[in-house]
Amino acid sequence: MLAFLSMEIKQYYLSGRSGCWLGQHDNGEEDSLVWYDIRLSETEDELSRLGIFLQDLGVDRETLNFCTVPVHFPGVEVSGGGVFLRFPLRPQWNSEDAFYVMILCLKGQLVSIGPEKALLFDRARQRLEGGSLLSEASSQALLLFILDVCTDISMLQYMAARSAVEALTDRLDDEPDNLRQDELIATRRRVSRLYSQFEDMHYCMGLLQGMQAQNLQFSLLKTELRDILDSQNHVVRSQDQLETRLRDLHNDCLLHAQRKTDYRLRVLTVLTSLCMPLSVIAGIYGMNFHFMPELEWKYGYFFALGIMAFITASLLVFFFRRGWFK
């Protein structure tokens, strides 16, 4: 294991005959495949030392620029005898920010570059340590093996996002009053970001399908690459449907809020309708005229209260039969 400042370089070997995992020792094989797993934080000093390390591997200047210039957009480049990929990843499906990983595939060598939290390379290494074999003993097959692990991570992140959306759906069905719109908006934003990540991965895999480097032939791996691309395409379509489902869920939440508002307006309308005739009667008998009927009547007060009670009861029955209290 090599280290430059905080940059860490781990060197692994795979058999050049069978493609099986050899670990950090080549066991004396002369034609073994070499995997350099580099972890860094993209500081200026680390990128400079990364350039020196790659230059010692014989990487051409154009490819060096791809690896050492920090940019944040996906891309696939073919230069000389190597293939370079860069695409985003998130530690978790709901992480706010994505980090970019880079993979440089050379003849008999593969260089993976990413931050310390790049679990993609750790999972690929763990699978190889567990006995998984490459489809052929080549750096191209190792590249596709890592991309296949990447599609598995995409599927796991999609499943986690779908579970979160299903939980929101259940809450809207069971206790709609306790589901806030800001929760839906936040989840919708995270799902949208994850969808962009899946699209960027699919874009890189699609470009790789039509590229051939001078010393790297993917012709024997076309079937495997097509399967990986189909899997990632399935994840993209599923995530798109999940985003549509979440938009519908947001609309349902807005509709529920509108129904609550309508119900409150109906209640206010009923109360206004009940008070209006009572206010008219009270207003009439509150006039300051000297001569008015029923003012001297012994039962006038009780008669007025009875009329008010009758009108109130009649209006309540009317609104109830019309379904205003449902």
C-alpha atoms as a PDB file:
ATOM      1  CA  MET A   1       0.000   0.000   0.000  1.00  0.00           C
ATOM      2  CA  LEU A   2       1.372   3.379  -1.042  1.00  0.00           C
ATOM      3  CA  ALA A   3       0.506   6.755   0.496  1.00  0.00           C
ATOM      4  CA  PHE A   4       1.064  10.330  -0.679  1.00  0.00           C
ATOM      5  CA  LEU A   5       0.025  12.810   2.014  1.00  0.00           C
ATOM      6  CA  SER A   6      -3.592  11.842   2.693  1.00  0.00           C
ATOM      7  CA  MET A   7      -3.913  10.065  -0.674  1.00  0.00           C
ATOM      8  CA  GLU A   8      -4.009   6.289  -0.240  1.00  0.00           C
ATOM      9  CA  ILE A   9      -3.164   3.796  -2.986  1.00  0.00           C
ATOM     10  CA  LYS A  10      -3.936   0.110  -2.540  1.00  0.00           C
ATOM     11  CA  GLN A  11      -2.537  -2.353  -5.039  1.00  0.00           C
ATOM     12  CA  TYR A  12      -4.337  -5.623  -5.746  1.00  0.00           C
ATOM     13  CA  TYR A  13      -3.606  -8.482  -8.126  1.00  0.00           C
ATOM     14  CA  LEU A  14      -5.769 -10.844 -10.145  1.00  0.00           C
ATOM     15  CA  SER A  15      -4.637 -13.891 -12.044  1.00  0.00           C
ATOM     16  CA  GLY A  16      -3.858 -13.160 -15.685  1.00  0.00           C
ATOM     17  CA  ARG A  17      -4.873 -16.710 -16.611  1.00  0.00           C
ATOM     18  CA  SER A  18      -8.085 -17.339 -14.663  1.00  0.00           C
ATOM     19  CA  GLY A  19      -9.082 -13.877 -13.435  1.00  0.00           C
ATOM     20  CA  CYS A  20      -9.333 -15.084  -9.828  1.00  0.00           C
ATOM     21  CA  TRP A  21      -8.451 -12.863  -6.894  1.00  0.00           C
ATOM     22  CA  LEU A  22      -4.850 -12.963  -5.653  1.00  0.00           C
ATOM     23  CA  GLY A  23      -5.012 -10.139  -3.097  1.00  0.00           C
ATOM     24  CA  GLN A  24      -2.121  -7.768  -2.478  1.00  0.00           C
ATOM     25  CA  HIS A  25       0.505 -10.259  -3.664  1.00  0.00           C
ATOM     26  CA  ASP A  26       0.835 -11.538  -7.223  1.00  0.00           C
ATOM     27  CA  ASN A  27       2.084 -14.989  -6.096  1.00  0.00           C
ATOM     28  CA  GLY A  28       4.843 -14.851  -8.687  1.00  0.00           C
ATOM     29  CA  GLU A  29       2.605 -14.536 -11.746  1.00  0.00           C
ATOM     30  CA  GLU A  30       4.254 -12.452 -14.435  1.00  0.00           C
ATOM     31  CA  ASP A  31       1.091 -11.641 -16.406  1.00  0.00           C
ATOM     32  CA  SER A  32      -1.197 -10.853 -13.460  1.00  0.00           C
ATOM     33  CA  LEU A  33      -3.750  -8.038 -13.646  1.00  0.00           C
ATOM     34  CA  VAL A  34      -3.090  -5.051 -11.397  1.00  0.00           C
ATOM     35  CA  TRP A  35      -5.795  -2.952  -9.755  1.00  0.00           C
ATOM     36  CA  TYR A  36      -4.758   0.355  -8.180  1.00  0.00           C
ATOM     37  CA  ASP A  37      -7.462   1.579  -5.801  1.00  0.00           C
ATOM     38  CA  ILE A  38      -6.770   5.269  -5.056  1.00  0.00           C
ATOM     39  CA  ARG A  39      -8.639   7.242  -2.407  1.00  0.00           C
ATOM     40  CA  LEU A  40      -8.229  11.026  -2.226  1.00  0.00           C
ATOM     41  CA  SER A  41     -10.083  14.241  -1.428  1.00  0.00           C
ATOM     42  CA  GLU A  42      -9.136  16.120  -4.654  1.00  0.00           C
ATOM     43  CA  THR A  43      -6.916  18.711  -3.030  1.00  0.00           C
ATOM     44  CA  GLU A  44      -4.397  20.437  -5.267  1.00  0.00           C
ATOM     45  CA  ASP A  45      -1.435  18.572  -3.751  1.00  0.00           C
ATOM     46  CA  GLU A  46      -3.163  15.201  -4.021  1.00  0.00           C
ATOM     47  CA  LEU A  47      -4.132  15.767  -7.663  1.00  0.00           C
ATOM     48  CA  SER A  48      -0.551  16.783  -8.433  1.00  0.00           C
ATOM     49  CA  ARG A  49       0.837  13.615  -6.849  1.00  0.00           C
ATOM     50  CA  LEU A  50      -1.863  11.591  -8.603  1.00  0.00           C
ATOM     51  CA  GLY A  51      -0.572  12.947 -11.905  1.00  0.00           C
ATOM     52  CA  ILE A  52       2.964  11.878 -11.003  1.00  0.00           C
ATOM     53  CA  PHE A  53       1.776   8.389 -10.087  1.00  0.00           C
ATOM     54  CA  LEU A  54      -0.212   7.960 -13.302  1.00  0.00           C
ATOM     55  CA  GLN A  55       2.653   9.322 -15.356  1.00  0.00           C
ATOM     56  CA  ASP A  56       4.887   6.624 -13.879  1.00  0.00           C
ATOM     57  CA  LEU A  57       2.326   4.069 -15.116  1.00  0.00           C
ATOM     58  CA  GLY A  58       2.791   5.376 -18.656  1.00  0.00           C
ATOM     59  CA  VAL A  59      -0.511   7.245 -18.902  1.00  0.00           C
ATOM     60  CA  ASP A  60      -0.495   9.812 -21.726  1.00  0.00           C
ATOM     61  CA  ARG A  61      -0.920  13.529 -21.066  1.00  0.00           C
ATOM     62  CA  GLU A  62      -4.490  13.749 -22.348  1.00  0.00           C
ATOM     63  CA  THR A  63      -5.651  11.001 -20.011  1.00  0.00           C
ATOM     64  CA  LEU A  64      -3.723  12.660 -17.176  1.00  0.00           C
ATOM     65  CA  ASN A  65      -5.817  15.782 -17.674  1.00  0.00           C
ATOM     66  CA  PHE A  66      -9.004  13.720 -17.447  1.00  0.00           C
ATOM     67  CA  CYS A  67      -7.915  12.266 -14.098  1.00  0.00           C
ATOM     68  CA  THR A  68      -6.320  15.301 -12.445  1.00  0.00           C
ATOM     69  CA  VAL A  69      -8.651  18.159 -13.418  1.00  0.00           C
ATOM     70  CA  PRO A  70     -11.541  18.193 -10.882  1.00  0.00           C
ATOM     71  CA  VAL A  71     -14.829  18.461 -12.760  1.00  0.00           C
ATOM     72  CA  HIS A  72     -18.333  17.423 -11.775  1.00  0.00           C
ATOM     73  CA  PHE A  73     -20.048  15.993 -14.804  1.00  0.00           C
ATOM     74  CA  PRO A  74     -20.136  12.474 -16.278  1.00  0.00           C
ATOM     75  CA  GLY A  75     -17.923  11.476 -19.154  1.00  0.00           C
ATOM     76  CA  VAL A  76     -16.269   8.674 -21.072  1.00  0.00           C
ATOM     77  CA  GLU A  77     -13.047   9.240 -23.004  1.00  0.00           C
ATOM     78  CA  VAL A  78     -10.781   7.044 -25.109  1.00  0.00           C
ATOM     79  CA  SER A  79      -7.177   8.169 -25.371  1.00  0.00           C
ATOM     80  CA  GLY A  80      -4.249   6.125 -26.592  1.00  0.00           C
ATOM     81  CA  GLY A  81      -4.521   2.687 -25.086  1.00  0.00           C
ATOM     82  CA  GLY A  82      -6.903   3.502 -22.245  1.00  0.00           C
ATOM     83  CA  VAL A  83     -10.564   4.099 -21.478  1.00  0.00           C
ATOM     84  CA  PHE A  84     -11.565   6.676 -18.875  1.00  0.00           C
ATOM     85  CA  LEU A  85     -14.951   6.874 -17.102  1.00  0.00           C
ATOM     86  CA  ARG A  86     -16.320   9.402 -14.624  1.00  0.00           C
ATOM     87  CA  PHE A  87     -19.798   9.271 -13.070  1.00  0.00           C
ATOM     88  CA  PRO A  88     -21.528  10.345  -9.822  1.00  0.00           C
ATOM     89  CA  LEU A  89     -22.419   8.215  -6.811  1.00  0.00           C
ATOM     90  CA  ARG A  90     -24.135   8.820  -3.487  1.00  0.00           C
ATOM     91  CA  PRO A  91     -23.311   7.080  -0.195  1.00  0.00           C
ATOM     92  CA  GLN A  92     -27.054   6.722   0.486  1.00  0.00           C
ATOM     93  CA  TRP A  93     -30.075   7.261  -1.713  1.00  0.00           C
ATOM     94  CA  ASN A  94     -31.139  10.345   0.258  1.00  0.00           C
ATOM     95  CA  SER A  95     -27.687  11.967   0.473  1.00  0.00           C
ATOM     96  CA  GLU A  96     -27.763  15.608  -0.521  1.00  0.00           C
ATOM     97  CA  ASP A  97     -24.477  15.626  -2.436  1.00  0.00           C
ATOM     98  CA  ALA A  98     -22.955  13.142  -4.841  1.00  0.00           C
ATOM     99  CA  PHE A  99     -19.248  12.446  -5.250  1.00  0.00           C
ATOM    100  CA  TYR A 100     -17.641  11.492  -8.535  1.00  0.00           C
ATOM    101  CA  VAL A 101     -15.616   8.334  -9.076  1.00  0.00           C
ATOM    102  CA  MET A 102     -13.172   7.781 -11.914  1.00  0.00           C
ATOM    103  CA  ILE A 103     -12.026   4.541 -13.514  1.00  0.00           C
ATOM    104  CA  LEU A 104      -9.044   4.309 -15.852  1.00  0.00           C
ATOM    105  CA  CYS A 105      -8.783   1.036 -17.745  1.00  0.00           C
ATOM    106  CA  LEU A 106      -5.368   0.278 -19.294  1.00  0.00           C
ATOM    107  CA  LYS A 107      -3.802  -2.801 -20.820  1.00  0.00           C
ATOM    108  CA  GLY A 108      -3.454  -5.234 -17.911  1.00  0.00           C
ATOM    109  CA  GLN A 109      -4.086  -2.479 -15.356  1.00  0.00           C
ATOM    110  CA  LEU A 110      -7.077  -0.709 -13.852  1.00  0.00           C
ATOM    111  CA  VAL A 111      -6.994   2.457 -11.747  1.00  0.00           C
ATOM    112  CA  SER A 112     -10.012   3.395  -9.627  1.00  0.00           C
ATOM    113  CA  ILE A 113     -10.083   6.906  -8.142  1.00  0.00           C
ATOM    114  CA  GLY A 114     -12.571   8.168  -5.590  1.00  0.00           C
ATOM    115  CA  PRO A 115     -13.067   9.513  -2.071  1.00  0.00           C
ATOM    116  CA  GLU A 116     -12.704   7.424   1.047  1.00  0.00           C
ATOM    117  CA  LYS A 117     -16.476   6.825   1.169  1.00  0.00           C
ATOM    118  CA  ALA A 118     -16.597   5.334  -2.351  1.00  0.00           C
ATOM    119  CA  LEU A 119     -18.226   2.042  -1.367  1.00  0.00           C
ATOM    120  CA  LEU A 120     -18.419   0.902  -5.001  1.00  0.00           C
ATOM    121  CA  PHE A 121     -14.777  -0.197  -5.077  1.00  0.00           C
ATOM    122  CA  ASP A 122     -14.990  -1.749  -1.610  1.00  0.00           C
ATOM    123  CA  ARG A 123     -17.963  -3.885  -2.618  1.00  0.00           C
ATOM    124  CA  ALA A 124     -16.283  -4.955  -5.861  1.00  0.00           C
ATOM    125  CA  ARG A 125     -13.164  -5.972  -3.911  1.00  0.00           C
ATOM    126  CA  GLN A 126     -15.261  -7.867  -1.344  1.00  0.00           C
ATOM    127  CA  ARG A 127     -17.003  -9.831  -4.090  1.00  0.00           C
ATOM    128  CA  LEU A 128     -13.707 -10.746  -5.692  1.00  0.00           C
ATOM    129  CA  GLU A 129     -12.336 -11.787  -2.311  1.00  0.00           C
ATOM    130  CA  GLY A 130     -15.472 -13.884  -1.845  1.00  0.00           C
ATOM    131  CA  GLY A 131     -14.702 -15.976  -4.911  1.00  0.00           C
ATOM    132  CA  SER A 132     -16.398 -14.134  -7.767  1.00  0.00           C
ATOM    133  CA  LEU A 133     -14.592 -14.543 -11.084  1.00  0.00           C
ATOM    134  CA  LEU A 134     -14.184 -12.240 -14.039  1.00  0.00           C
ATOM    135  CA  SER A 135     -15.743 -13.270 -17.345  1.00  0.00           C
ATOM    136  CA  GLU A 136     -12.239 -13.218 -18.788  1.00  0.00           C
ATOM    137  CA  ALA A 137      -8.758 -12.434 -17.492  1.00  0.00           C
ATOM    138  CA  SER A 138      -8.478  -8.824 -18.659  1.00  0.00           C
ATOM    139  CA  SER A 139      -8.684  -5.304 -17.310  1.00  0.00           C
ATOM    140  CA  GLN A 140     -11.770  -4.767 -19.510  1.00  0.00           C
ATOM    141  CA  ALA A 141     -13.548  -7.597 -17.703  1.00  0.00           C
ATOM    142  CA  LEU A 142     -12.547  -6.065 -14.354  1.00  0.00           C
ATOM    143  CA  LEU A 143     -14.013  -2.747 -15.498  1.00  0.00           C
ATOM    144  CA  LEU A 144     -17.307  -4.415 -16.416  1.00  0.00           C
ATOM    145  CA  PHE A 145     -17.284  -6.304 -13.118  1.00  0.00           C
ATOM    146  CA  ILE A 146     -17.110  -2.979 -11.247  1.00  0.00           C
ATOM    147  CA  LEU A 147     -19.871  -1.530 -13.442  1.00  0.00           C
ATOM    148  CA  ASP A 148     -22.022  -4.567 -12.681  1.00  0.00           C
ATOM    149  CA  VAL A 149     -21.530  -3.896  -8.954  1.00  0.00           C
ATOM    150  CA  CYS A 150     -22.509  -0.298  -9.687  1.00  0.00           C
ATOM    151  CA  THR A 151     -25.850  -1.399 -11.166  1.00  0.00           C
ATOM    152  CA  ASP A 152     -26.472  -3.503  -8.053  1.00  0.00           C
ATOM    153  CA  ILE A 153     -25.853  -0.439  -5.877  1.00  0.00           C
ATOM    154  CA  SER A 154     -28.238   1.534  -8.078  1.00  0.00           C
ATOM    155  CA  MET A 155     -30.919  -1.107  -7.600  1.00  0.00           C
ATOM    156  CA  LEU A 156     -30.442  -1.098  -3.813  1.00  0.00           C
ATOM    157  CA  GLN A 157     -30.695   2.691  -3.702  1.00  0.00           C
ATOM    158  CA  TYR A 158     -33.822   2.565  -5.855  1.00  0.00           C
ATOM    159  CA  MET A 159     -35.399  -0.005  -3.512  1.00  0.00           C
ATOM    160  CA  ALA A 160     -34.610   2.210  -0.515  1.00  0.00           C
ATOM    161  CA  ALA A 161     -36.175   5.215  -2.259  1.00  0.00           C
ATOM    162  CA  ARG A 162     -39.241   3.164  -3.186  1.00  0.00           C
ATOM    163  CA  SER A 163     -39.653   2.012   0.432  1.00  0.00           C
ATOM    164  CA  ALA A 164     -39.563   5.641   1.573  1.00  0.00           C
ATOM    165  CA  VAL A 165     -42.220   6.605  -0.968  1.00  0.00           C
ATOM    166  CA  GLU A 166     -44.398   3.642   0.038  1.00  0.00           C
ATOM    167  CA  ALA A 167     -44.117   4.699   3.692  1.00  0.00           C
ATOM    168  CA  LEU A 168     -45.333   8.189   2.733  1.00  0.00           C
ATOM    169  CA  THR A 169     -48.195   6.635   0.765  1.00  0.00           C
ATOM    170  CA  ASP A 170     -49.273   4.567   3.782  1.00  0.00           C
ATOM    171  CA  ARG A 171     -49.148   7.644   6.002  1.00  0.00           C
ATOM    172  CA  LEU A 172     -51.298   9.571   3.561  1.00  0.00           C
ATOM    173  CA  ASP A 173     -53.857   6.750   3.591  1.00  0.00           C
ATOM    174  CA  ASP A 174     -53.827   6.123   7.358  1.00  0.00           C
ATOM    175  CA  GLU A 175     -53.181   9.536   8.887  1.00  0.00           C
ATOM    176  CA  PRO A 176     -53.303  12.206   6.197  1.00  0.00           C
ATOM    177  CA  ASP A 177     -53.474  15.056   8.693  1.00  0.00           C
ATOM    178  CA  ASN A 178     -50.012  14.145  10.060  1.00  0.00           C
ATOM    179  CA  LEU A 179     -48.249  14.214   6.671  1.00  0.00           C
ATOM    180  CA  ARG A 180     -46.663  17.577   5.957  1.00  0.00           C
ATOM    181  CA  GLN A 181     -46.122  18.854   2.454  1.00  0.00           C
ATOM    182  CA  ASP A 182     -42.506  19.796   3.195  1.00  0.00           C
ATOM    183  CA  GLU A 183     -41.765  16.092   3.801  1.00  0.00           C
ATOM    184  CA  LEU A 184     -43.107  15.238   0.368  1.00  0.00           C
ATOM    185  CA  ILE A 185     -41.202  18.082  -1.252  1.00  0.00           C
ATOM    186  CA  ALA A 186     -37.939  17.002   0.408  1.00  0.00           C
ATOM    187  CA  THR A 187     -38.428  13.372  -0.640  1.00  0.00           C
ATOM    188  CA  ARG A 188     -39.336  14.433  -4.151  1.00  0.00           C
ATOM    189  CA  ARG A 189     -36.126  16.482  -4.370  1.00  0.00           C
ATOM    190  CA  ARG A 190     -34.015  13.517  -3.218  1.00  0.00           C
ATOM    191  CA  VAL A 191     -35.718  11.149  -5.665  1.00  0.00           C
ATOM    192  CA  SER A 192     -35.109  13.621  -8.485  1.00  0.00           C
ATOM    193  CA  ARG A 193     -31.414  13.856  -7.625  1.00  0.00           C
ATOM    194  CA  LEU A 194     -31.138  10.080  -7.533  1.00  0.00           C
ATOM    195  CA  TYR A 195     -32.807   9.897 -10.930  1.00  0.00           C
ATOM    196  CA  SER A 196     -30.173  12.290 -12.319  1.00  0.00           C
ATOM    197  CA  GLN A 197     -27.434  10.051 -10.896  1.00  0.00           C
ATOM    198  CA  PHE A 198     -28.910   6.967 -12.561  1.00  0.00           C
ATOM    199  CA  GLU A 199     -29.202   8.828 -15.862  1.00  0.00           C
ATOM    200  CA  ASP A 200     -25.547   9.879 -15.709  1.00  0.00           C
ATOM    201  CA  MET A 201     -24.476   6.276 -15.058  1.00  0.00           C
ATOM    202  CA  HIS A 202     -26.578   5.032 -17.947  1.00  0.00           C
ATOM    203  CA  TYR A 203     -25.099   7.730 -20.178  1.00  0.00           C
ATOM    204  CA  CYS A 204     -21.547   6.589 -19.410  1.00  0.00           C
ATOM    205  CA  MET A 205     -22.362   2.919 -19.909  1.00  0.00           C
ATOM    206  CA  GLY A 206     -24.069   3.713 -23.198  1.00  0.00           C
ATOM    207  CA  LEU A 207     -21.015   5.604 -24.458  1.00  0.00           C
ATOM    208  CA  LEU A 208     -18.729   2.777 -23.396  1.00  0.00           C
ATOM    209  CA  GLN A 209     -20.740   0.346 -25.493  1.00  0.00           C
ATOM    210  CA  GLY A 210     -19.692   2.034 -28.727  1.00  0.00           C
ATOM    211  CA  MET A 211     -16.027   2.731 -27.895  1.00  0.00           C
ATOM    212  CA  GLN A 212     -12.896   0.736 -28.603  1.00  0.00           C
ATOM    213  CA  ALA A 213      -9.419   1.646 -27.424  1.00  0.00           C
ATOM    214  CA  GLN A 214      -6.343   0.715 -29.405  1.00  0.00           C
ATOM    215  CA  ASN A 215      -5.142  -1.949 -26.958  1.00  0.00           C
ATOM    216  CA  LEU A 216      -8.470  -2.735 -25.292  1.00  0.00           C
ATOM    217  CA  GLN A 217     -10.995  -4.836 -27.127  1.00  0.00           C
ATOM    218  CA  PHE A 218     -14.529  -5.141 -25.762  1.00  0.00           C
ATOM    219  CA  SER A 219     -15.824  -7.295 -28.618  1.00  0.00           C
ATOM    220  CA  LEU A 220     -15.831 -10.474 -26.525  1.00  0.00           C
ATOM    221  CA  LEU A 221     -17.599  -8.645 -23.697  1.00  0.00           C
ATOM    222  CA  LYS A 222     -20.423  -7.088 -25.708  1.00  0.00           C
ATOM    223  CA  THR A 223     -23.037  -9.414 -24.221  1.00  0.00           C
ATOM    224  CA  GLU A 224     -21.964  -8.663 -20.666  1.00  0.00           C
ATOM    225  CA  LEU A 225     -21.851  -4.925 -21.349  1.00  0.00           C
ATOM    226  CA  ARG A 226     -25.312  -5.067 -22.930  1.00  0.00           C
ATOM    227  CA  ASP A 227     -26.712  -6.864 -19.871  1.00  0.00           C
ATOM    228  CA  ILE A 228     -25.211  -4.231 -17.568  1.00  0.00           C
ATOM    229  CA  LEU A 229     -26.658  -1.456 -19.717  1.00  0.00           C
ATOM    230  CA  ASP A 230     -30.084  -3.118 -19.726  1.00  0.00           C
ATOM    231  CA  SER A 231     -30.008  -3.425 -15.935  1.00  0.00           C
ATOM    232  CA  GLN A 232     -29.106   0.231 -15.501  1.00  0.00           C
ATOM    233  CA  ASN A 233     -31.758   1.211 -18.029  1.00  0.00           C
ATOM    234  CA  HIS A 234     -34.325  -0.727 -15.994  1.00  0.00           C
ATOM    235  CA  VAL A 235     -33.279   1.188 -12.880  1.00  0.00           C
ATOM    236  CA  VAL A 236     -33.637   4.512 -14.748  1.00  0.00           C
ATOM    237  CA  ARG A 237     -37.135   3.626 -15.948  1.00  0.00           C
ATOM    238  CA  SER A 238     -38.168   2.431 -12.498  1.00  0.00           C
ATOM    239  CA  GLN A 239     -36.842   5.601 -10.896  1.00  0.00           C
ATOM    240  CA  ASP A 240     -38.739   7.674 -13.443  1.00  0.00           C
ATOM    241  CA  GLN A 241     -41.949   5.849 -12.524  1.00  0.00           C
ATOM    242  CA  LEU A 242     -41.157   6.410  -8.841  1.00  0.00           C
ATOM    243  CA  GLU A 243     -40.757  10.128  -9.473  1.00  0.00           C
ATOM    244  CA  THR A 244     -44.117  10.169 -11.270  1.00  0.00           C
ATOM    245  CA  ARG A 245     -45.694   8.278  -8.390  1.00  0.00           C
ATOM    246  CA  LEU A 246     -44.285  10.789  -5.937  1.00  0.00           C
ATOM    247  CA  ARG A 247     -45.723  13.679  -7.968  1.00  0.00           C
ATOM    248  CA  ASP A 248     -49.119  11.987  -7.849  1.00  0.00           C
ATOM    249  CA  LEU A 249     -48.715  11.511  -4.098  1.00  0.00           C
ATOM    250  CA  HIS A 250     -47.952  15.208  -3.722  1.00  0.00           C
ATOM    251  CA  ASN A 251     -51.063  16.050  -5.721  1.00  0.00           C
ATOM    252  CA  ASP A 252     -53.116  13.761  -3.485  1.00  0.00           C
ATOM    253  CA  CYS A 253     -51.735  15.540  -0.439  1.00  0.00           C
ATOM    254  CA  LEU A 254     -52.678  18.902  -1.947  1.00  0.00           C
ATOM    255  CA  LEU A 255     -56.134  17.545  -2.759  1.00  0.00           C
ATOM    256  CA  HIS A 256     -56.590  16.390   0.834  1.00  0.00           C
ATOM    257  CA  ALA A 257     -55.544  19.805   2.106  1.00  0.00           C
ATOM    258  CA  GLN A 258     -58.011  21.410  -0.302  1.00  0.00           C
ATOM    259  CA  ARG A 259     -60.768  19.125   0.960  1.00  0.00           C
ATOM    260  CA  LYS A 260     -60.025  20.145   4.534  1.00  0.00           C
ATOM    261  CA  THR A 261     -60.231  23.780   3.503  1.00  0.00           C
ATOM    262  CA  ASP A 262     -63.515  23.165   1.685  1.00  0.00           C
ATOM    263  CA  TYR A 263     -64.952  21.438   4.743  1.00  0.00           C
ATOM    264  CA  ARG A 264     -64.006  24.359   6.949  1.00  0.00           C
ATOM    265  CA  LEU A 265     -65.554  26.787   4.488  1.00  0.00           C
ATOM    266  CA  ARG A 266     -68.753  24.721   4.478  1.00  0.00           C
ATOM    267  CA  VAL A 267     -68.886  24.836   8.283  1.00  0.00           C
ATOM    268  CA  LEU A 268     -68.390  28.603   8.219  1.00  0.00           C
ATOM    269  CA  THR A 269     -71.104  28.898   5.577  1.00  0.00           C
ATOM    270  CA  VAL A 270     -73.519  26.881   7.725  1.00  0.00           C
ATOM    271  CA  LEU A 271     -72.785  29.025  10.774  1.00  0.00           C
ATOM    272  CA  THR A 272     -73.264  32.184   8.731  1.00  0.00           C
ATOM    273  CA  SER A 273     -76.552  30.882   7.359  1.00  0.00           C
ATOM    274  CA  LEU A 274     -77.760  30.025  10.880  1.00  0.00           C
ATOM    275  CA  CYS A 275     -76.860  33.414  12.308  1.00  0.00           C
ATOM    276  CA  MET A 276     -78.215  35.508   9.465  1.00  0.00           C
ATOM    277  CA  PRO A 277     -82.004  35.092  10.145  1.00  0.00           C
ATOM    278  CA  LEU A 278     -81.389  35.331  13.893  1.00  0.00           C
ATOM    279  CA  SER A 279     -79.532  38.593  13.355  1.00  0.00           C
ATOM    280  CA  VAL A 280     -82.439  39.894  11.244  1.00  0.00           C
ATOM    281  CA  ILE A 281     -84.977  39.119  13.981  1.00  0.00           C
ATOM    282  CA  ALA A 282     -82.740  40.601  16.670  1.00  0.00           C
ATOM    283  CA  GLY A 283     -82.181  43.666  14.507  1.00  0.00           C
ATOM    284  CA  ILE A 284     -85.892  44.225  13.972  1.00  0.00           C
ATOM    285  CA  TYR A 285     -86.744  44.039  17.661  1.00  0.00           C
ATOM    286  CA  GLY A 286     -83.769  46.184  18.484  1.00  0.00           C
ATOM    287  CA  MET A 287     -85.221  49.172  16.607  1.00  0.00           C
ATOM    288  CA  ASN A 288     -86.006  52.209  18.687  1.00  0.00           C
ATOM    289  CA  PHE A 289     -89.530  52.829  17.448  1.00  0.00           C
ATOM    290  CA  HIS A 290     -92.130  53.752  20.097  1.00  0.00           C
ATOM    291  CA  PHE A 291     -94.988  51.838  18.492  1.00  0.00           C
ATOM    292  CA  MET A 292     -94.105  48.226  17.567  1.00  0.00           C
ATOM    293  CA  PRO A 293     -96.291  45.113  17.694  1.00  0.00           C
ATOM    294  CA  GLU A 294     -95.654  42.462  20.343  1.00  0.00           C
ATOM    295  CA  LEU A 295     -93.714  44.902  22.560  1.00  0.00           C
ATOM    296  CA  GLU A 296     -96.451  44.821  25.181  1.00  0.00           C
ATOM    297  CA  TRP A 297     -97.388  41.162  24.573  1.00  0.00           C
ATOM    298  CA  LYS A 298     -96.883  38.979  27.606  1.00  0.00           C
ATOM    299  CA  TYR A 299     -95.493  36.027  25.591  1.00  0.00           C
ATOM    300  CA  GLY A 300     -93.659  38.051  22.929  1.00  0.00           C
ATOM    301  CA  TYR A 301     -90.170  37.260  24.250  1.00  0.00           C
ATOM    302  CA  PHE A 302     -90.805  33.516  24.338  1.00  0.00           C
ATOM    303  CA  PHE A 303     -92.439  33.663  20.927  1.00  0.00           C
ATOM    304  CA  ALA A 304     -89.349  35.348  19.427  1.00  0.00           C
ATOM    305  CA  LEU A 305     -87.048  32.735  21.002  1.00  0.00           C
ATOM    306  CA  GLY A 306     -89.256  29.950  19.686  1.00  0.00           C
ATOM    307  CA  ILE A 307     -89.136  31.391  16.152  1.00  0.00           C
ATOM    308  CA  MET A 308     -85.336  31.589  16.364  1.00  0.00           C
ATOM    309  CA  ALA A 309     -85.055  28.010  17.619  1.00  0.00           C
ATOM    310  CA  PHE A 310     -87.412  26.782  14.876  1.00  0.00           C
ATOM    311  CA  ILE A 311     -85.427  28.544  12.141  1.00  0.00           C
ATOM    312  CA  THR A 312     -82.142  27.191  13.497  1.00  0.00           C
ATOM    313  CA  ALA A 313     -83.447  23.617  13.691  1.00  0.00           C
ATOM    314  CA  SER A 314     -84.942  23.846  10.196  1.00  0.00           C
ATOM    315  CA  LEU A 315     -81.681  25.079   8.678  1.00  0.00           C
ATOM    316  CA  LEU A 316     -79.665  22.367  10.461  1.00  0.00           C
ATOM    317  CA  VAL A 317     -81.966  19.668   9.090  1.00  0.00           C
ATOM    318  CA  PHE A 318     -81.769  21.211   5.631  1.00  0.00           C
ATOM    319  CA  PHE A 319     -77.949  21.304   5.558  1.00  0.00           C
ATOM    320  CA  PHE A 320     -77.679  17.833   7.051  1.00  0.00           C
ATOM    321  CA  ARG A 321     -79.890  16.318   4.349  1.00  0.00           C
ATOM    322  CA  ARG A 322     -77.870  18.132   1.715  1.00  0.00           C
ATOM    323  CA  GLY A 323     -74.699  16.468   3.020  1.00  0.00           C
ATOM    324  CA  TRP A 324     -72.884  19.594   4.127  1.00  0.00           C
ATOM    325  CA  PHE A 325     -71.639  17.919   7.317  1.00  0.00           C
ATOM    326  CA  LYS A 326     -69.975  14.965   5.562  1.00  0.00           C
END
